[in-house]
Protein backbone atom coordinates (compact mmCIF):
# COMPACT_ATOMS: atom_id res chain seq x y z
CA MET A 1 61.96 65.32 -27.42
CA THR A 2 58.78 66.27 -29.13
CA THR A 3 54.93 65.30 -27.69
CA ALA A 4 54.83 62.36 -31.02
CA GLU A 5 57.97 60.82 -29.86
CA LEU A 6 57.31 60.93 -26.18
CA LEU A 7 53.84 59.74 -27.35
CA ASP A 8 55.04 56.49 -29.40
CA SER A 9 57.34 55.65 -26.20
CA SER A 10 54.41 55.66 -23.89
CA ALA A 11 52.27 53.10 -22.52
CA ALA A 12 49.42 55.01 -23.84
CA THR A 13 46.44 52.77 -25.22
CA PRO A 14 46.05 52.95 -29.53
CA GLU A 15 42.74 54.72 -29.01
CA PHE A 16 44.75 57.68 -26.96
CA ARG A 17 47.62 57.75 -29.24
CA GLU A 18 45.51 58.04 -31.93
CA ALA A 19 43.35 60.78 -30.49
CA MET A 20 46.47 62.17 -29.15
CA HIS A 21 48.05 62.47 -33.11
CA GLN A 22 44.70 64.33 -34.36
CA PHE A 23 44.79 66.70 -31.65
CA LEU A 24 48.76 67.51 -32.77
CA ARG A 25 46.79 68.04 -36.43
CA ASP A 26 44.11 70.19 -35.59
CA GLY A 27 44.37 71.25 -31.94
CA ARG A 28 40.79 70.48 -30.82
CA ALA A 29 39.42 68.58 -28.14
CA SER A 30 37.98 65.17 -28.91
CA GLU A 31 36.42 62.19 -26.49
CA ARG A 32 39.92 61.01 -25.45
CA ILE A 33 41.21 65.10 -25.04
CA ARG A 34 38.81 66.92 -23.47
CA PHE A 35 39.18 70.37 -22.52
CA GLY A 36 37.49 73.80 -22.86
CA TYR A 37 36.85 76.92 -24.43
CA GLY A 38 39.20 78.97 -22.79
CA CYS A 39 42.14 76.49 -22.92
CA PRO A 40 44.35 77.20 -25.91
CA SER A 41 45.44 74.29 -27.69
CA VAL A 42 49.26 75.18 -27.28
CA LYS A 43 48.70 75.23 -23.77
CA VAL A 44 46.75 71.79 -23.30
CA GLU A 45 49.77 70.24 -25.29
CA ARG A 46 52.00 71.64 -22.83
CA ALA A 47 49.81 69.96 -20.34
CA LEU A 48 49.71 66.25 -21.99
CA HIS A 49 53.38 66.57 -22.96
CA LYS A 50 53.95 66.81 -18.91
CA ALA A 51 51.54 63.89 -18.26
CA LEU A 52 53.09 61.38 -20.75
CA VAL A 53 56.42 62.47 -19.29
CA GLU A 54 55.24 61.95 -15.62
CA TYR A 55 52.91 58.58 -16.69
CA ARG A 56 54.97 57.41 -19.39
CA ALA A 57 54.50 53.56 -18.18
CA VAL A 58 50.84 53.96 -17.96
CA PRO A 59 48.39 52.53 -20.42
CA VAL A 60 46.27 56.30 -20.44
CA GLU A 61 43.07 56.07 -22.13
CA SER A 62 42.06 59.64 -21.64
CA ILE A 63 42.72 63.09 -20.14
CA GLU A 64 40.71 65.87 -19.19
CA VAL A 65 42.03 69.23 -18.49
CA VAL A 66 39.77 71.85 -16.79
CA ALA A 67 42.16 74.88 -16.64
CA ALA A 68 42.27 79.07 -17.04
CA SER A 69 44.71 80.52 -19.45
CA GLY A 70 46.29 83.96 -19.40
CA CYS A 71 49.41 85.59 -21.20
CA GLU A 72 52.20 84.12 -18.75
CA TYR A 73 50.11 81.24 -17.04
CA PHE A 74 47.93 78.14 -17.67
CA ARG A 75 46.85 76.45 -14.05
CA GLY A 76 44.22 74.06 -13.52
CA GLN A 77 43.39 70.50 -12.78
CA MET A 78 44.06 67.16 -15.41
CA THR A 79 42.12 64.13 -14.74
CA VAL A 80 44.15 61.11 -16.15
CA ARG A 81 42.25 58.05 -16.88
CA THR A 82 42.99 54.05 -17.45
CA ALA A 83 40.64 51.22 -17.56
CA SER A 84 40.96 51.01 -13.54
CA GLU A 85 41.39 54.34 -12.12
CA GLU A 86 41.42 57.93 -12.06
CA THR A 87 44.56 60.16 -11.31
CA HIS A 88 43.83 63.74 -10.31
CA VAL A 89 46.31 66.65 -10.61
CA SER A 90 46.33 70.15 -10.06
CA PHE A 91 48.98 72.18 -12.23
CA HIS A 92 50.58 75.41 -13.09
CA TRP A 93 52.43 76.31 -15.73
CA ASP A 94 53.76 79.61 -15.69
CA CYS A 95 56.41 80.99 -18.02
CA LYS A 96 57.07 84.02 -16.22
CA TRP A 97 58.22 82.33 -12.96
CA ARG A 98 60.65 80.26 -15.39
CA ALA A 99 62.21 83.52 -16.80
CA GLU A 100 62.70 84.63 -13.37
CA GLN A 101 63.94 81.62 -12.52
CA GLU A 102 66.39 81.92 -15.50
CA GLY A 103 67.06 85.39 -14.49
CA TRP A 104 65.64 86.32 -18.17
CA ARG A 105 64.80 89.86 -18.77
CA ASP A 106 63.26 91.66 -21.72
CA TRP A 107 64.32 95.04 -23.44
CA PHE A 108 62.04 96.87 -20.94
CA GLY A 109 63.28 94.83 -18.03
CA PHE A 110 60.25 92.56 -17.42
CA PRO A 111 60.86 88.85 -17.00
CA ASP A 112 61.23 87.32 -20.68
CA GLN A 113 58.37 85.41 -20.70
CA ALA A 114 58.36 84.92 -24.35
CA ARG A 115 61.31 83.11 -24.30
CA ALA A 116 60.84 81.25 -21.54
CA ALA A 117 57.69 79.78 -23.43
CA ARG A 118 59.90 79.37 -26.57
CA GLU A 119 62.87 77.74 -25.34
CA PHE A 120 60.83 75.59 -22.05
CA GLY A 121 57.83 74.77 -24.02
CA TRP A 122 56.14 72.48 -21.60
CA ASP A 123 59.07 72.53 -19.18
CA CYS A 124 57.65 75.81 -17.36
CA PHE A 125 55.52 74.00 -14.47
CA ARG A 126 55.56 75.82 -11.48
CA SER A 127 54.13 73.16 -9.91
CA TRP A 128 52.44 69.49 -10.78
CA GLU A 129 50.80 67.86 -7.86
CA VAL A 130 48.81 64.38 -7.04
CA GLU A 131 45.68 64.79 -5.59
CA PRO A 132 46.38 63.20 -1.78
CA ARG A 133 44.30 60.38 -2.33
CA ASP A 134 45.33 59.62 -5.56
CA ALA A 135 49.13 59.76 -3.95
CA LEU A 136 48.15 57.15 -1.17
CA VAL A 137 46.82 55.03 -3.60
CA MET A 138 50.23 55.21 -5.72
CA GLN A 139 52.26 54.59 -2.63
CA ALA A 140 50.34 51.30 -1.84
CA ARG A 141 50.70 49.96 -5.32
CA THR A 142 54.81 50.51 -4.89
CA ALA A 143 54.57 49.60 -1.18
CA ALA A 144 56.12 46.31 -0.06
CA PRO A 145 53.08 43.38 0.27
CA LEU A 146 51.95 43.50 3.70
CA THR A 147 52.86 40.00 5.59
CA VAL A 148 50.73 38.46 8.69
CA ASP A 149 52.85 36.01 11.20
CA ALA A 150 49.93 33.81 11.98
CA THR A 151 51.82 32.40 14.92
CA PHE A 152 50.58 32.99 18.13
CA GLY A 153 52.69 32.45 20.59
């Protein structure tokens, strides 16, 4: 599924959808999709795709990516914002790691990270971890409601 198709089936706000479609056309940061100079747009797209997979039912209003990029990696933090909350995620996209997992080697015997990036695209995340405070909030929302027995004996 392409990023655009995934976006169309998500609960993201109309404003975020518009910003995302613009990003897919020009690869540039905007008010709703923020990232720095050292973040290649192709790697930002992979991170945004992963966020849309993870938060498909969330009314995303904006996403900010603060990350470092190298040949085989893209790692950093992401903040996913809705009208009422923020979720903070630490991530590590790593096509070399993915190639090692698949047992793929290039002509010189090194992990074939180019093949992994090409074939798996966004799905080379070595880690995607919600910060603990956000995980507690998500657990509280999905837990059974607390009931209190007001009967005193």
